Amino acid sequence: MAKEIKLVRSLIGRKKDQIATAQSLGLKKVGDITVQPDNEQTNGKIKKISHLVEVHEA
């Protein structure tokens, strides 16, 4: 399975580690969508920026 991740809140004014986490998922600006594998690494990244993204099963 995979997860579809969409950035719904801006990265402006966020901590550097949150911005880096979003960019490592391939999210750069509001509205960007990426599909990532459903594994522990991805789930950890999603948990770190959960207040900025929406996640759906792909």
C-alpha atoms as a PDB file:
ATOM      1  CA  MET A   1       0.000   0.000   0.000  1.00  0.00           C
ATOM      2  CA  ALA A   2       0.958   3.621  -0.421  1.00  0.00           C
ATOM      3  CA  LYS A   3      -0.064   6.924   1.115  1.00  0.00           C
ATOM      4  CA  GLU A   4      -1.060  10.049  -0.765  1.00  0.00           C
ATOM      5  CA  ILE A   5       0.200  13.114   1.105  1.00  0.00           C
ATOM      6  CA  LYS A   6      -0.979  16.658   0.360  1.00  0.00           C
ATOM      7  CA  LEU A   7       0.525  19.826   1.827  1.00  0.00           C
ATOM      8  CA  VAL A   8      -2.430  21.944   2.996  1.00  0.00           C
ATOM      9  CA  ARG A   9      -0.677  24.580   5.144  1.00  0.00           C
ATOM     10  CA  SER A  10       2.225  26.842   4.278  1.00  0.00           C
ATOM     11  CA  LEU A  11       5.817  26.168   5.313  1.00  0.00           C
ATOM     12  CA  ILE A  12       6.466  29.892   5.875  1.00  0.00           C
ATOM     13  CA  GLY A  13       7.514  30.533   9.466  1.00  0.00           C
ATOM     14  CA  ARG A  14       7.910  26.838  10.321  1.00  0.00           C
ATOM     15  CA  LYS A  15      10.938  25.348  12.046  1.00  0.00           C
ATOM     16  CA  LYS A  16      13.798  24.314   9.782  1.00  0.00           C
ATOM     17  CA  ASP A  17      13.383  20.641  10.651  1.00  0.00           C
ATOM     18  CA  GLN A  18       9.695  20.719   9.657  1.00  0.00           C
ATOM     19  CA  ILE A  19      10.550  22.371   6.336  1.00  0.00           C
ATOM     20  CA  ALA A  20      13.267  19.780   5.716  1.00  0.00           C
ATOM     21  CA  THR A  21      10.839  16.961   6.531  1.00  0.00           C
ATOM     22  CA  ALA A  22       8.247  18.298   4.078  1.00  0.00           C
ATOM     23  CA  GLN A  23      10.882  18.680   1.368  1.00  0.00           C
ATOM     24  CA  SER A  24      12.150  15.144   1.973  1.00  0.00           C
ATOM     25  CA  LEU A  25       8.610  13.966   1.206  1.00  0.00           C
ATOM     26  CA  GLY A  26       8.638  16.009  -2.015  1.00  0.00           C
ATOM     27  CA  LEU A  27       6.345  18.783  -0.757  1.00  0.00           C
ATOM     28  CA  LYS A  28       7.458  22.327  -1.564  1.00  0.00           C
ATOM     29  CA  LYS A  29       4.338  24.489  -1.780  1.00  0.00           C
ATOM     30  CA  VAL A  30       0.709  24.366  -0.694  1.00  0.00           C
ATOM     31  CA  GLY A  31      -1.299  21.982  -2.850  1.00  0.00           C
ATOM     32  CA  ASP A  32       1.613  19.684  -3.703  1.00  0.00           C
ATOM     33  CA  ILE A  33       0.698  15.990  -3.626  1.00  0.00           C
ATOM     34  CA  THR A  34       3.066  13.054  -3.407  1.00  0.00           C
ATOM     35  CA  VAL A  35       2.642   9.296  -3.108  1.00  0.00           C
ATOM     36  CA  GLN A  36       4.947   7.599  -0.612  1.00  0.00           C
ATOM     37  CA  PRO A  37       5.281   3.974   0.523  1.00  0.00           C
ATOM     38  CA  ASP A  38       3.521   2.984   3.736  1.00  0.00           C
ATOM     39  CA  ASN A  39       6.501   2.240   5.997  1.00  0.00           C
ATOM     40  CA  GLU A  40       7.904   3.337   9.342  1.00  0.00           C
ATOM     41  CA  GLN A  41      10.096   6.097   7.895  1.00  0.00           C
ATOM     42  CA  THR A  42       7.215   7.707   6.026  1.00  0.00           C
ATOM     43  CA  ASN A  43       4.890   7.400   9.020  1.00  0.00           C
ATOM     44  CA  GLY A  44       7.463   9.137  11.230  1.00  0.00           C
ATOM     45  CA  LYS A  45       7.798  12.010   8.774  1.00  0.00           C
ATOM     46  CA  ILE A  46       4.021  12.351   8.533  1.00  0.00           C
ATOM     47  CA  LYS A  47       3.721  12.392  12.330  1.00  0.00           C
ATOM     48  CA  LYS A  48       6.295  15.211  12.555  1.00  0.00           C
ATOM     49  CA  ILE A  49       4.338  17.486  10.187  1.00  0.00           C
ATOM     50  CA  SER A  50       0.824  16.084  10.695  1.00  0.00           C
ATOM     51  CA  HIS A  51      -0.555  19.595  11.344  1.00  0.00           C
ATOM     52  CA  LEU A  52       0.535  20.671   7.836  1.00  0.00           C
ATOM     53  CA  VAL A  53      -0.629  17.737   5.696  1.00  0.00           C
ATOM     54  CA  GLU A  54      -3.610  15.568   4.782  1.00  0.00           C
ATOM     55  CA  VAL A  55      -3.019  11.858   4.288  1.00  0.00           C
ATOM     56  CA  HIS A  56      -5.135   9.399   2.293  1.00  0.00           C
ATOM     57  CA  GLU A  57      -4.565   5.786   1.301  1.00  0.00           C
ATOM     58  CA  ALA A  58      -3.591   5.573  -2.354  1.00  0.00           C
END
